[in-house]
Every structure is written in C-alpha cells, then in structure tokens.
Amino acid sequence: MEFEKDNSFFTGRIKSIGFAFKGAFKLITTEHSVMVQSSIALLLIIAGFVFEISREEWMMQILAFGLVLGIESLNTAVEKIADFIHPEFHNKIGFIKDIAAGAVLFAAFAAIAVGLLIYVPKFM
C-alpha cells in the first residue's frame, strides 16, 4: 500500500487527528510506562474532584500530566527508532536512549513537585 499525501486542508487535518488518536491508543495499550503514568493521572484527576482543587491547581495538574505523557511518548518514539535502526546493543544508541529517558525523569520530577504543592496542603 502506497502512502498518498492528502493535499486538502480539511480532510488532511481529519486524517492527522485520526493518526494521533491511533498513536495515543497504541501508547496506552502497549507501553507499560504510559499505562502507569496514565493510571496515576486518572487517580489524581479523581483526587482533584475529591479535594475540590482550584481552577489554577487544575491547570497546573493538567499541564503536569501533559508534560509527562508527552515527553514519555517522545522517549518511546526515540527508543523504537533506535531499536529499529540498530537492534543490537551499541554504546551510542544506549547514550541516546538514556538522554531521552532523562528527559522523562525531569518532567516526572516537575510533575511530582506540582502534585506535592497541590495535595500536601490538603492533608495539613
């Protein structure tokens, strides 16, 4: 099957959105780290309703989820491309994959900080 570019603005955007949903579904159903992170996001959404967090707290929480899941998605893409290009272990590929994982760690630390700032005062 040959790829055919859709030059129509409207139908091209609709197809792009479809591909994006397909990719998000693949991530959530096949990648364990995304499953865990999505589950944590769902639990914190429930906690947000239980603790009646403010509008600003919702914004920060949503941005934190988006940051972690977005960077994790890019990390997964980097790992898949690296494994496809060079399936055997290689120091340079390992270095690249470690850097991508480090980006996820930075995002996770920021999200944890946001969560602590929102929820620790609720318990005090």
PDB file of N, CA and C in Angstrom:
ATOM      1  N   MET A   1       0.845  -1.177   0.000  1.00  0.00           N
ATOM      2  CA  MET A   1       0.000   0.000   0.000  1.00  0.00           C
ATOM      3  C   MET A   1       0.887   1.236   0.000  1.00  0.00           C
ATOM      4  N   GLU A   2       0.714   2.080  -0.960  1.00  0.00           N
ATOM      5  CA  GLU A   2       1.478   3.313  -1.097  1.00  0.00           C
ATOM      6  C   GLU A   2       0.851   4.418  -0.255  1.00  0.00           C
ATOM      7  N   PHE A   3       1.709   5.243   0.314  1.00  0.00           N
ATOM      8  CA  PHE A   3       1.247   6.404   1.058  1.00  0.00           C
ATOM      9  C   PHE A   3       0.863   7.487   0.063  1.00  0.00           C
ATOM     10  N   GLU A   4      -0.333   8.017   0.239  1.00  0.00           N
ATOM     11  CA  GLU A   4      -0.779   9.116  -0.607  1.00  0.00           C
ATOM     12  C   GLU A   4      -1.010  10.333   0.262  1.00  0.00           C
ATOM     13  N   LYS A   5      -0.309  11.414  -0.061  1.00  0.00           N
ATOM     14  CA  LYS A   5      -0.472  12.640   0.704  1.00  0.00           C
ATOM     15  C   LYS A   5      -1.806  13.275   0.345  1.00  0.00           C
ATOM     16  N   ASP A   6      -2.517  13.685   1.393  1.00  0.00           N
ATOM     17  CA  ASP A   6      -3.796  14.371   1.193  1.00  0.00           C
ATOM     18  C   ASP A   6      -3.515  15.868   1.187  1.00  0.00           C
ATOM     19  N   ASN A   7      -3.654  16.492   0.036  1.00  0.00           N
ATOM     20  CA  ASN A   7      -3.353  17.915  -0.098  1.00  0.00           C
ATOM     21  C   ASN A   7      -4.514  18.815   0.313  1.00  0.00           C
ATOM     22  N   SER A   8      -5.662  18.221   0.608  1.00  0.00           N
ATOM     23  CA  SER A   8      -6.801  19.007   1.053  1.00  0.00           C
ATOM     24  C   SER A   8      -6.613  19.375   2.523  1.00  0.00           C
ATOM     25  N   PHE A   9      -6.784  20.644   2.857  1.00  0.00           N
ATOM     26  CA  PHE A   9      -6.550  21.090   4.231  1.00  0.00           C
ATOM     27  C   PHE A   9      -7.460  20.379   5.211  1.00  0.00           C
ATOM     28  N   PHE A  10      -8.752  20.366   4.950  1.00  0.00           N
ATOM     29  CA  PHE A  10      -9.707  19.827   5.916  1.00  0.00           C
ATOM     30  C   PHE A  10      -9.566  18.316   6.077  1.00  0.00           C
ATOM     31  N   THR A  11      -9.599  17.580   4.999  1.00  0.00           N
ATOM     32  CA  THR A  11      -9.508  16.119   5.126  1.00  0.00           C
ATOM     33  C   THR A  11      -8.124  15.686   5.589  1.00  0.00           C
ATOM     34  N   GLY A  12      -7.112  16.447   5.226  1.00  0.00           N
ATOM     35  CA  GLY A  12      -5.762  16.145   5.705  1.00  0.00           C
ATOM     36  C   GLY A  12      -5.665  16.283   7.210  1.00  0.00           C
ATOM     37  N   ARG A  13      -6.308  17.322   7.777  1.00  0.00           N
ATOM     38  CA  ARG A  13      -6.294  17.516   9.235  1.00  0.00           C
ATOM     39  C   ARG A  13      -7.079  16.412   9.930  1.00  0.00           C
ATOM     40  N   ILE A  14      -8.205  16.029   9.351  1.00  0.00           N
ATOM     41  CA  ILE A  14      -9.016  14.950   9.937  1.00  0.00           C
ATOM     42  C   ILE A  14      -8.201  13.658   9.982  1.00  0.00           C
ATOM     43  N   LYS A  15      -7.496  13.353   8.898  1.00  0.00           N
ATOM     44  CA  LYS A  15      -6.659  12.151   8.877  1.00  0.00           C
ATOM     45  C   LYS A  15      -5.536  12.250   9.912  1.00  0.00           C
ATOM     46  N   SER A  16      -4.926  13.428  10.052  1.00  0.00           N
ATOM     47  CA  SER A  16      -3.854  13.622  11.026  1.00  0.00           C
ATOM     48  C   SER A  16      -4.358  13.393  12.448  1.00  0.00           C
ATOM     49  N   ILE A  17      -5.537  13.896  12.739  1.00  0.00           N
ATOM     50  CA  ILE A  17      -6.123  13.688  14.067  1.00  0.00           C
ATOM     51  C   ILE A  17      -6.384  12.198  14.291  1.00  0.00           C
ATOM     52  N   GLY A  18      -6.853  11.523  13.253  1.00  0.00           N
ATOM     53  CA  GLY A  18      -7.074  10.073  13.353  1.00  0.00           C
ATOM     54  C   GLY A  18      -5.779   9.333  13.656  1.00  0.00           C
ATOM     55  N   PHE A  19      -4.691   9.714  12.980  1.00  0.00           N
ATOM     56  CA  PHE A  19      -3.390   9.079  13.245  1.00  0.00           C
ATOM     57  C   PHE A  19      -2.930   9.361  14.675  1.00  0.00           C
ATOM     58  N   ALA A  20      -3.182  10.587  15.148  1.00  0.00           N
ATOM     59  CA  ALA A  20      -2.787  10.950  16.510  1.00  0.00           C
ATOM     60  C   ALA A  20      -3.537  10.106  17.540  1.00  0.00           C
ATOM     61  N   PHE A  21      -4.842   9.928  17.351  1.00  0.00           N
ATOM     62  CA  PHE A  21      -5.615   9.084  18.271  1.00  0.00           C
ATOM     63  C   PHE A  21      -5.150   7.636  18.204  1.00  0.00           C
ATOM     64  N   LYS A  22      -4.835   7.163  17.005  1.00  0.00           N
ATOM     65  CA  LYS A  22      -4.325   5.804  16.844  1.00  0.00           C
ATOM     66  C   LYS A  22      -3.009   5.634  17.595  1.00  0.00           C
ATOM     67  N   GLY A  23      -2.117   6.612  17.495  1.00  0.00           N
ATOM     68  CA  GLY A  23      -0.848   6.563  18.204  1.00  0.00           C
ATOM     69  C   GLY A  23      -1.036   6.618  19.710  1.00  0.00           C
ATOM     70  N   ALA A  24      -1.933   7.478  20.185  1.00  0.00           N
ATOM     71  CA  ALA A  24      -2.202   7.575  21.622  1.00  0.00           C
ATOM     72  C   ALA A  24      -2.763   6.250  22.142  1.00  0.00           C
ATOM     73  N   PHE A  25      -3.653   5.630  21.379  1.00  0.00           N
ATOM     74  CA  PHE A  25      -4.221   4.337  21.779  1.00  0.00           C
ATOM     75  C   PHE A  25      -3.131   3.269  21.844  1.00  0.00           C
ATOM     76  N   LYS A  26      -2.232   3.263  20.843  1.00  0.00           N
ATOM     77  CA  LYS A  26      -1.127   2.298  20.851  1.00  0.00           C
ATOM     78  C   LYS A  26      -0.239   2.507  22.065  1.00  0.00           C
ATOM     79  N   LEU A  27       0.053   3.762  22.397  1.00  0.00           N
ATOM     80  CA  LEU A  27       0.881   4.053  23.565  1.00  0.00           C
ATOM     81  C   LEU A  27       0.235   3.540  24.843  1.00  0.00           C
ATOM     82  N   ILE A  28      -1.037   3.856  25.036  1.00  0.00           N
ATOM     83  CA  ILE A  28      -1.726   3.500  26.270  1.00  0.00           C
ATOM     84  C   ILE A  28      -1.919   1.989  26.400  1.00  0.00           C
ATOM     85  N   THR A  29      -2.054   1.293  25.280  1.00  0.00           N
ATOM     86  CA  THR A  29      -2.326  -0.145  25.343  1.00  0.00           C
ATOM     87  C   THR A  29      -1.089  -1.021  25.235  1.00  0.00           C
ATOM     88  N   THR A  30       0.067  -0.454  24.861  1.00  0.00           N
ATOM     89  CA  THR A  30       1.245  -1.309  24.678  1.00  0.00           C
ATOM     90  C   THR A  30       2.449  -0.927  25.524  1.00  0.00           C
ATOM     91  N   GLU A  31       2.525   0.299  25.987  1.00  0.00           N
ATOM     92  CA  GLU A  31       3.701   0.763  26.717  1.00  0.00           C
ATOM     93  C   GLU A  31       3.396   0.817  28.214  1.00  0.00           C
ATOM     94  N   HIS A  32       4.097  -0.012  28.981  1.00  0.00           N
ATOM     95  CA  HIS A  32       3.817  -0.118  30.411  1.00  0.00           C
ATOM     96  C   HIS A  32       4.036   1.189  31.153  1.00  0.00           C
ATOM     97  N   SER A  33       5.059   1.937  30.798  1.00  0.00           N
ATOM     98  CA  SER A  33       5.296   3.202  31.491  1.00  0.00           C
ATOM     99  C   SER A  33       4.149   4.183  31.242  1.00  0.00           C
ATOM    100  N   VAL A  34       3.612   4.194  30.045  1.00  0.00           N
ATOM    101  CA  VAL A  34       2.478   5.083  29.738  1.00  0.00           C
ATOM    102  C   VAL A  34       1.225   4.592  30.461  1.00  0.00           C
ATOM    103  N   MET A  35       1.065   3.274  30.581  1.00  0.00           N
ATOM    104  CA  MET A  35      -0.075   2.734  31.333  1.00  0.00           C
ATOM    105  C   MET A  35      -0.018   3.202  32.787  1.00  0.00           C
ATOM    106  N   VAL A  36       1.165   3.107  33.391  1.00  0.00           N
ATOM    107  CA  VAL A  36       1.332   3.523  34.785  1.00  0.00           C
ATOM    108  C   VAL A  36       1.079   5.017  34.916  1.00  0.00           C
ATOM    109  N   GLN A  37       1.682   5.804  34.050  1.00  0.00           N
ATOM    110  CA  GLN A  37       1.533   7.255  34.131  1.00  0.00           C
ATOM    111  C   GLN A  37       0.091   7.691  33.885  1.00  0.00           C
ATOM    112  N   SER A  38      -0.587   7.026  32.968  1.00  0.00           N
ATOM    113  CA  SER A  38      -2.000   7.336  32.708  1.00  0.00           C
ATOM    114  C   SER A  38      -2.865   6.972  33.909  1.00  0.00           C
ATOM    115  N   SER A  39      -2.536   5.866  34.556  1.00  0.00           N
ATOM    116  CA  SER A  39      -3.277   5.454  35.751  1.00  0.00           C
ATOM    117  C   SER A  39      -3.081   6.458  36.884  1.00  0.00           C
ATOM    118  N   ILE A  40      -1.853   6.915  37.063  1.00  0.00           N
ATOM    119  CA  ILE A  40      -1.580   7.926  38.090  1.00  0.00           C
ATOM    120  C   ILE A  40      -2.340   9.214  37.766  1.00  0.00           C
ATOM    121  N   ALA A  41      -2.347   9.602  36.499  1.00  0.00           N
ATOM    122  CA  ALA A  41      -3.086  10.803  36.093  1.00  0.00           C
ATOM    123  C   ALA A  41      -4.567  10.645  36.408  1.00  0.00           C
ATOM    124  N   LEU A  42      -5.128   9.475  36.128  1.00  0.00           N
ATOM    125  CA  LEU A  42      -6.541   9.223  36.411  1.00  0.00           C
ATOM    126  C   LEU A  42      -6.820   9.304  37.915  1.00  0.00           C
ATOM    127  N   LEU A  43      -5.943   8.712  38.729  1.00  0.00           N
ATOM    128  CA  LEU A  43      -6.110   8.778  40.184  1.00  0.00           C
ATOM    129  C   LEU A  43      -6.046  10.222  40.688  1.00  0.00           C
ATOM    130  N   LEU A  44      -5.150  11.010  40.123  1.00  0.00           N
ATOM    131  CA  LEU A  44      -5.033  12.399  40.557  1.00  0.00           C
ATOM    132  C   LEU A  44      -6.194  13.260  40.050  1.00  0.00           C
ATOM    133  N   ILE A  45      -6.777  12.881  38.945  1.00  0.00           N
ATOM    134  CA  ILE A  45      -7.990  13.576  38.491  1.00  0.00           C
ATOM    135  C   ILE A  45      -9.117  13.314  39.486  1.00  0.00           C
ATOM    136  N   ILE A  46      -9.249  12.053  39.911  1.00  0.00           N
ATOM    137  CA  ILE A  46     -10.253  11.718  40.925  1.00  0.00           C
ATOM    138  C   ILE A  46      -9.963  12.483  42.215  1.00  0.00           C
ATOM    139  N   ALA A  47      -8.687  12.523  42.619  1.00  0.00           N
ATOM    140  CA  ALA A  47      -8.303  13.259  43.824  1.00  0.00           C
ATOM    141  C   ALA A  47      -8.643  14.744  43.681  1.00  0.00           C
ATOM    142  N   GLY A  48      -8.480  15.281  42.490  1.00  0.00           N
ATOM    143  CA  GLY A  48      -8.815  16.686  42.260  1.00  0.00           C
ATOM    144  C   GLY A  48     -10.274  16.975  42.538  1.00  0.00           C
ATOM    145  N   PHE A  49     -11.154  16.046  42.151  1.00  0.00           N
ATOM    146  CA  PHE A  49     -12.576  16.230  42.439  1.00  0.00           C
ATOM    147  C   PHE A  49     -12.871  16.025  43.924  1.00  0.00           C
ATOM    148  N   VAL A  50     -12.236  15.026  44.520  1.00  0.00           N
ATOM    149  CA  VAL A  50     -12.452  14.749  45.944  1.00  0.00           C
ATOM    150  C   VAL A  50     -12.016  15.941  46.795  1.00  0.00           C
ATOM    151  N   PHE A  51     -10.837  16.497  46.510  1.00  0.00           N
ATOM    152  CA  PHE A  51     -10.307  17.603  47.310  1.00  0.00           C
ATOM    153  C   PHE A  51     -10.747  18.976  46.805  1.00  0.00           C
ATOM    154  N   GLU A  52     -11.557  18.990  45.757  1.00  0.00           N
ATOM    155  CA  GLU A  52     -12.079  20.237  45.193  1.00  0.00           C
ATOM    156  C   GLU A  52     -10.969  21.261  44.972  1.00  0.00           C
ATOM    157  N   ILE A  53      -9.971  20.865  44.175  1.00  0.00           N
ATOM    158  CA  ILE A  53      -8.855  21.764  43.921  1.00  0.00           C
ATOM    159  C   ILE A  53      -9.322  22.953  43.079  1.00  0.00           C
ATOM    160  N   SER A  54      -8.584  24.041  43.169  1.00  0.00           N
ATOM    161  CA  SER A  54      -8.958  25.281  42.482  1.00  0.00           C
ATOM    162  C   SER A  54      -8.722  25.167  40.973  1.00  0.00           C
ATOM    163  N   ARG A  55      -9.227  26.153  40.267  1.00  0.00           N
ATOM    164  CA  ARG A  55      -9.042  26.206  38.809  1.00  0.00           C
ATOM    165  C   ARG A  55      -7.559  26.248  38.443  1.00  0.00           C
ATOM    166  N   GLU A  56      -6.808  27.042  39.182  1.00  0.00           N
ATOM    167  CA  GLU A  56      -5.373  27.164  38.926  1.00  0.00           C
ATOM    168  C   GLU A  56      -4.654  25.846  39.197  1.00  0.00           C
ATOM    169  N   GLU A  57      -5.077  25.156  40.256  1.00  0.00           N
ATOM    170  CA  GLU A  57      -4.487  23.857  40.565  1.00  0.00           C
ATOM    171  C   GLU A  57      -4.815  22.830  39.476  1.00  0.00           C
ATOM    172  N   TRP A  58      -6.039  22.896  38.954  1.00  0.00           N
ATOM    173  CA  TRP A  58      -6.396  22.017  37.825  1.00  0.00           C
ATOM    174  C   TRP A  58      -5.498  22.299  36.623  1.00  0.00           C
ATOM    175  N   MET A  59      -5.280  23.568  36.348  1.00  0.00           N
ATOM    176  CA  MET A  59      -4.438  23.922  35.202  1.00  0.00           C
ATOM    177  C   MET A  59      -3.033  23.365  35.366  1.00  0.00           C
ATOM    178  N   MET A  60      -2.468  23.532  36.552  1.00  0.00           N
ATOM    179  CA  MET A  60      -1.112  23.030  36.791  1.00  0.00           C
ATOM    180  C   MET A  60      -1.072  21.502  36.720  1.00  0.00           C
ATOM    181  N   GLN A  61      -2.084  20.863  37.270  1.00  0.00           N
ATOM    182  CA  GLN A  61      -2.141  19.398  37.252  1.00  0.00           C
ATOM    183  C   GLN A  61      -2.251  18.884  35.815  1.00  0.00           C
ATOM    184  N   ILE A  62      -3.105  19.488  35.027  1.00  0.00           N
ATOM    185  CA  ILE A  62      -3.276  19.073  33.631  1.00  0.00           C
ATOM    186  C   ILE A  62      -1.993  19.310  32.838  1.00  0.00           C
ATOM    187  N   LEU A  63      -1.352  20.458  33.040  1.00  0.00           N
ATOM    188  CA  LEU A  63      -0.083  20.716  32.361  1.00  0.00           C
ATOM    189  C   LEU A  63       0.976  19.692  32.769  1.00  0.00           C
ATOM    190  N   ALA A  64       1.007  19.322  34.045  1.00  0.00           N
ATOM    191  CA  ALA A  64       1.983  18.328  34.517  1.00  0.00           C
ATOM    192  C   ALA A  64       1.734  16.976  33.852  1.00  0.00           C
ATOM    193  N   PHE A  65       0.462  16.544  33.778  1.00  0.00           N
ATOM    194  CA  PHE A  65       0.145  15.271  33.104  1.00  0.00           C
ATOM    195  C   PHE A  65       0.567  15.317  31.646  1.00  0.00           C
ATOM    196  N   GLY A  66       0.195  16.409  30.993  1.00  0.00           N
ATOM    197  CA  GLY A  66       0.527  16.547  29.579  1.00  0.00           C
ATOM    198  C   GLY A  66       2.018  16.534  29.328  1.00  0.00           C
ATOM    199  N   LEU A  67       2.759  17.209  30.193  1.00  0.00           N
ATOM    200  CA  LEU A  67       4.215  17.242  30.066  1.00  0.00           C
ATOM    201  C   LEU A  67       4.800  15.837  30.183  1.00  0.00           C
ATOM    202  N   VAL A  68       4.428  15.123  31.229  1.00  0.00           N
ATOM    203  CA  VAL A  68       4.989  13.785  31.442  1.00  0.00           C
ATOM    204  C   VAL A  68       4.586  12.839  30.310  1.00  0.00           C
ATOM    205  N   LEU A  69       3.310  12.810  29.972  1.00  0.00           N
ATOM    206  CA  LEU A  69       2.865  11.883  28.924  1.00  0.00           C
ATOM    207  C   LEU A  69       3.425  12.256  27.555  1.00  0.00           C
ATOM    208  N   GLY A  70       3.539  13.555  27.278  1.00  0.00           N
ATOM    209  CA  GLY A  70       4.116  13.994  26.003  1.00  0.00           C
ATOM    210  C   GLY A  70       5.582  13.611  25.880  1.00  0.00           C
ATOM    211  N   ILE A  71       6.355  13.871  26.928  1.00  0.00           N
ATOM    212  CA  ILE A  71       7.791  13.544  26.884  1.00  0.00           C
ATOM    213  C   ILE A  71       7.984  12.029  26.879  1.00  0.00           C
ATOM    214  N   GLU A  72       7.158  11.310  27.634  1.00  0.00           N
ATOM    215  CA  GLU A  72       7.248   9.843  27.622  1.00  0.00           C
ATOM    216  C   GLU A  72       6.947   9.307  26.226  1.00  0.00           C
ATOM    217  N   SER A  73       6.005   9.912  25.545  1.00  0.00           N
ATOM    218  CA  SER A  73       5.677   9.498  24.179  1.00  0.00           C
ATOM    219  C   SER A  73       6.862   9.722  23.240  1.00  0.00           C
ATOM    220  N   LEU A  74       7.508  10.876  23.355  1.00  0.00           N
ATOM    221  CA  LEU A  74       8.688  11.143  22.533  1.00  0.00           C
ATOM    222  C   LEU A  74       9.823  10.186  22.884  1.00  0.00           C
ATOM    223  N   ASN A  75       9.994   9.887  24.170  1.00  0.00           N
ATOM    224  CA  ASN A  75      11.004   8.929  24.606  1.00  0.00           C
ATOM    225  C   ASN A  75      10.741   7.559  23.973  1.00  0.00           C
ATOM    226  N   THR A  76       9.502   7.138  23.975  1.00  0.00           N
ATOM    227  CA  THR A  76       9.145   5.846  23.370  1.00  0.00           C
ATOM    228  C   THR A  76       9.458   5.850  21.883  1.00  0.00           C
ATOM    229  N   ALA A  77       9.136   6.956  21.203  1.00  0.00           N
ATOM    230  CA  ALA A  77       9.430   7.048  19.775  1.00  0.00           C
ATOM    231  C   ALA A  77      10.934   6.976  19.516  1.00  0.00           C
ATOM    232  N   VAL A  78      11.722   7.676  20.323  1.00  0.00           N
ATOM    233  CA  VAL A  78      13.184   7.630  20.176  1.00  0.00           C
ATOM    234  C   VAL A  78      13.681   6.203  20.368  1.00  0.00           C
ATOM    235  N   GLU A  79      13.187   5.528  21.401  1.00  0.00           N
ATOM    236  CA  GLU A  79      13.620   4.153  21.666  1.00  0.00           C
ATOM    237  C   GLU A  79      13.245   3.213  20.523  1.00  0.00           C
ATOM    238  N   LYS A  80      12.035   3.353  19.993  1.00  0.00           N
ATOM    239  CA  LYS A  80      11.591   2.483  18.894  1.00  0.00           C
ATOM    240  C   LYS A  80      12.431   2.717  17.638  1.00  0.00           C
ATOM    241  N   ILE A  81      12.702   3.972  17.330  1.00  0.00           N
ATOM    242  CA  ILE A  81      13.526   4.287  16.151  1.00  0.00           C
ATOM    243  C   ILE A  81      14.937   3.743  16.346  1.00  0.00           C
ATOM    244  N   ALA A  82      15.509   3.966  17.534  1.00  0.00           N
ATOM    245  CA  ALA A  82      16.868   3.491  17.811  1.00  0.00           C
ATOM    246  C   ALA A  82      16.947   1.966  17.706  1.00  0.00           C
ATOM    247  N   ASP A  83      15.958   1.274  18.260  1.00  0.00           N
ATOM    248  CA  ASP A  83      15.952  -0.188  18.190  1.00  0.00           C
ATOM    249  C   ASP A  83      15.770  -0.684  16.755  1.00  0.00           C
ATOM    250  N   PHE A  84      15.014   0.053  15.961  1.00  0.00           N
ATOM    251  CA  PHE A  84      14.806  -0.328  14.556  1.00  0.00           C
ATOM    252  C   PHE A  84      16.091  -0.136  13.752  1.00  0.00           C
ATOM    253  N   ILE A  85      16.752   0.986  13.989  1.00  0.00           N
ATOM    254  CA  ILE A  85      17.966   1.301  13.234  1.00  0.00           C
ATOM    255  C   ILE A  85      19.124   0.393  13.640  1.00  0.00           C
ATOM    256  N   HIS A  86      19.245   0.156  14.946  1.00  0.00           N
ATOM    257  CA  HIS A  86      20.380  -0.632  15.441  1.00  0.00           C
ATOM    258  C   HIS A  86      19.883  -1.589  16.525  1.00  0.00           C
ATOM    259  N   PRO A  87      19.350  -2.770  16.136  1.00  0.00           N
ATOM    260  CA  PRO A  87      18.742  -3.699  17.104  1.00  0.00           C
ATOM    261  C   PRO A  87      19.708  -4.221  18.173  1.00  0.00           C
ATOM    262  N   GLU A  88      20.978  -4.376  17.834  1.00  0.00           N
ATOM    263  CA  GLU A  88      21.943  -4.861  18.825  1.00  0.00           C
ATOM    264  C   GLU A  88      22.361  -3.707  19.721  1.00  0.00           C
ATOM    265  N   PHE A  89      22.921  -4.078  20.893  1.00  0.00           N
ATOM    266  CA  PHE A  89      23.396  -3.028  21.800  1.00  0.00           C
ATOM    267  C   PHE A  89      24.541  -2.259  21.155  1.00  0.00           C
ATOM    268  N   HIS A  90      24.484  -0.955  21.311  1.00  0.00           N
ATOM    269  CA  HIS A  90      25.548  -0.082  20.834  1.00  0.00           C
ATOM    270  C   HIS A  90      25.659   1.071  21.830  1.00  0.00           C
ATOM    271  N   ASN A  91      26.886   1.432  22.198  1.00  0.00           N
ATOM    272  CA  ASN A  91      27.091   2.487  23.199  1.00  0.00           C
ATOM    273  C   ASN A  91      26.429   3.801  22.820  1.00  0.00           C
ATOM    274  N   LYS A  92      26.528   4.216  21.562  1.00  0.00           N
ATOM    275  CA  LYS A  92      25.946   5.498  21.149  1.00  0.00           C
ATOM    276  C   LYS A  92      24.412   5.446  21.194  1.00  0.00           C
ATOM    277  N   ILE A  93      23.840   4.317  20.784  1.00  0.00           N
ATOM    278  CA  ILE A  93      22.381   4.168  20.852  1.00  0.00           C
ATOM    279  C   ILE A  93      21.940   4.188  22.315  1.00  0.00           C
ATOM    280  N   GLY A  94      22.686   3.479  23.166  1.00  0.00           N
ATOM    281  CA  GLY A  94      22.376   3.482  24.591  1.00  0.00           C
ATOM    282  C   GLY A  94      22.442   4.882  25.185  1.00  0.00           C
ATOM    283  N   PHE A  95      23.439   5.661  24.779  1.00  0.00           N
ATOM    284  CA  PHE A  95      23.589   7.036  25.238  1.00  0.00           C
ATOM    285  C   PHE A  95      22.369   7.875  24.844  1.00  0.00           C
ATOM    286  N   ILE A  96      21.944   7.735  23.588  1.00  0.00           N
ATOM    287  CA  ILE A  96      20.774   8.479  23.086  1.00  0.00           C
ATOM    288  C   ILE A  96      19.528   8.089  23.871  1.00  0.00           C
ATOM    289  N   LYS A  97      19.332   6.792  24.092  1.00  0.00           N
ATOM    290  CA  LYS A  97      18.156   6.329  24.824  1.00  0.00           C
ATOM    291  C   LYS A  97      18.188   6.799  26.275  1.00  0.00           C
ATOM    292  N   ASP A  98      19.369   6.831  26.874  1.00  0.00           N
ATOM    293  CA  ASP A  98      19.493   7.320  28.254  1.00  0.00           C
ATOM    294  C   ASP A  98      19.126   8.799  28.346  1.00  0.00           C
ATOM    295  N   ILE A  99      19.545   9.584  27.379  1.00  0.00           N
ATOM    296  CA  ILE A  99      19.216  11.009  27.373  1.00  0.00           C
ATOM    297  C   ILE A  99      17.701  11.202  27.258  1.00  0.00           C
ATOM    298  N   ALA A 100      17.064  10.446  26.375  1.00  0.00           N
ATOM    299  CA  ALA A 100      15.612  10.546  26.221  1.00  0.00           C
ATOM    300  C   ALA A 100      14.907  10.153  27.519  1.00  0.00           C
ATOM    301  N   ALA A 101      15.396   9.109  28.181  1.00  0.00           N
ATOM    302  CA  ALA A 101      14.818   8.705  29.467  1.00  0.00           C
ATOM    303  C   ALA A 101      15.046   9.776  30.522  1.00  0.00           C
ATOM    304  N   GLY A 102      16.185  10.438  30.474  1.00  0.00           N
ATOM    305  CA  GLY A 102      16.464  11.528  31.405  1.00  0.00           C
ATOM    306  C   GLY A 102      15.480  12.677  31.250  1.00  0.00           C
ATOM    307  N   ALA A 103      15.064  12.946  30.021  1.00  0.00           N
ATOM    308  CA  ALA A 103      14.068  13.995  29.786  1.00  0.00           C
ATOM    309  C   ALA A 103      12.750  13.644  30.481  1.00  0.00           C
ATOM    310  N   VAL A 104      12.384  12.373  30.446  1.00  0.00           N
ATOM    311  CA  VAL A 104      11.174  11.929  31.142  1.00  0.00           C
ATOM    312  C   VAL A 104      11.339  12.130  32.641  1.00  0.00           C
ATOM    313  N   LEU A 105      12.515  11.828  33.154  1.00  0.00           N
ATOM    314  CA  LEU A 105      12.769  11.991  34.582  1.00  0.00           C
ATOM    315  C   LEU A 105      12.601  13.448  35.013  1.00  0.00           C
ATOM    316  N   PHE A 106      13.131  14.389  34.224  1.00  0.00           N
ATOM    317  CA  PHE A 106      12.953  15.806  34.536  1.00  0.00           C
ATOM    318  C   PHE A 106      11.464  16.176  34.592  1.00  0.00           C
ATOM    319  N   ALA A 107      10.710  15.712  33.600  1.00  0.00           N
ATOM    320  CA  ALA A 107       9.276  16.005  33.558  1.00  0.00           C
ATOM    321  C   ALA A 107       8.560  15.376  34.752  1.00  0.00           C
ATOM    322  N   ALA A 108       8.947  14.157  35.103  1.00  0.00           N
ATOM    323  CA  ALA A 108       8.322  13.478  36.240  1.00  0.00           C
ATOM    324  C   ALA A 108       8.610  14.224  37.540  1.00  0.00           C
ATOM    325  N   PHE A 109       9.854  14.694  37.728  1.00  0.00           N
ATOM    326  CA  PHE A 109      10.180  15.459  38.928  1.00  0.00           C
ATOM    327  C   PHE A 109       9.341  16.732  39.006  1.00  0.00           C
ATOM    328  N   ALA A 110       9.170  17.402  37.883  1.00  0.00           N
ATOM    329  CA  ALA A 110       8.349  18.617  37.870  1.00  0.00           C
ATOM    330  C   ALA A 110       6.899  18.280  38.216  1.00  0.00           C
ATOM    331  N   ALA A 111       6.386  17.175  37.673  1.00  0.00           N
ATOM    332  CA  ALA A 111       5.008  16.777  37.951  1.00  0.00           C
ATOM    333  C   ALA A 111       4.831  16.394  39.421  1.00  0.00           C
ATOM    334  N   ILE A 112       5.814  15.718  39.986  1.00  0.00           N
ATOM    335  CA  ILE A 112       5.761  15.361  41.409  1.00  0.00           C
ATOM    336  C   ILE A 112       5.740  16.626  42.257  1.00  0.00           C
ATOM    337  N   ALA A 113       6.557  17.607  41.899  1.00  0.00           N
ATOM    338  CA  ALA A 113       6.580  18.871  42.639  1.00  0.00           C
ATOM    339  C   ALA A 113       5.217  19.553  42.579  1.00  0.00           C
ATOM    340  N   VAL A 114       4.601  19.565  41.397  1.00  0.00           N
ATOM    341  CA  VAL A 114       3.270  20.159  41.252  1.00  0.00           C
ATOM    342  C   VAL A 114       2.275  19.413  42.132  1.00  0.00           C
ATOM    343  N   GLY A 115       2.316  18.080  42.083  1.00  0.00           N
ATOM    344  CA  GLY A 115       1.405  17.286  42.902  1.00  0.00           C
ATOM    345  C   GLY A 115       1.579  17.540  44.388  1.00  0.00           C
ATOM    346  N   LEU A 116       2.820  17.640  44.828  1.00  0.00           N
ATOM    347  CA  LEU A 116       3.079  17.918  46.245  1.00  0.00           C
ATOM    348  C   LEU A 116       2.570  19.298  46.639  1.00  0.00           C
ATOM    349  N   LEU A 117       2.802  20.288  45.773  1.00  0.00           N
ATOM    350  CA  LEU A 117       2.331  21.643  46.070  1.00  0.00           C
ATOM    351  C   LEU A 117       0.806  21.717  46.153  1.00  0.00           C
ATOM    352  N   ILE A 118       0.128  20.892  45.365  1.00  0.00           N
ATOM    353  CA  ILE A 118      -1.334  20.899  45.367  1.00  0.00           C
ATOM    354  C   ILE A 118      -1.885  20.113  46.546  1.00  0.00           C
ATOM    355  N   TYR A 119      -1.377  18.901  46.778  1.00  0.00           N
ATOM    356  CA  TYR A 119      -2.050  17.980  47.687  1.00  0.00           C
ATOM    357  C   TYR A 119      -1.506  17.958  49.117  1.00  0.00           C
ATOM    358  N   VAL A 120      -0.245  18.286  49.341  1.00  0.00           N
ATOM    359  CA  VAL A 120       0.259  18.285  50.726  1.00  0.00           C
ATOM    360  C   VAL A 120      -0.526  19.260  51.604  1.00  0.00           C
ATOM    361  N   PRO A 121      -0.799  20.486  51.145  1.00  0.00           N
ATOM    362  CA  PRO A 121      -1.597  21.394  51.996  1.00  0.00           C
ATOM    363  C   PRO A 121      -3.002  20.861  52.304  1.00  0.00           C
ATOM    364  N   LYS A 122      -3.542  20.003  51.455  1.00  0.00           N
ATOM    365  CA  LYS A 122      -4.885  19.451  51.701  1.00  0.00           C
ATOM    366  C   LYS A 122      -4.875  18.511  52.904  1.00  0.00           C
ATOM    367  N   PHE A 123      -3.711  17.927  53.195  1.00  0.00           N
ATOM    368  CA  PHE A 123      -3.601  16.990  54.316  1.00  0.00           C
ATOM    369  C   PHE A 123      -3.151  17.663  55.604  1.00  0.00           C
ATOM    370  N   MET A 124      -2.770  18.916  55.512  1.00  0.00           N
ATOM    371  CA  MET A 124      -2.272  19.624  56.712  1.00  0.00           C
ATOM    372  C   MET A 124      -3.388  20.347  57.418  1.00  0.00           C
TER     373      MET A 124
END
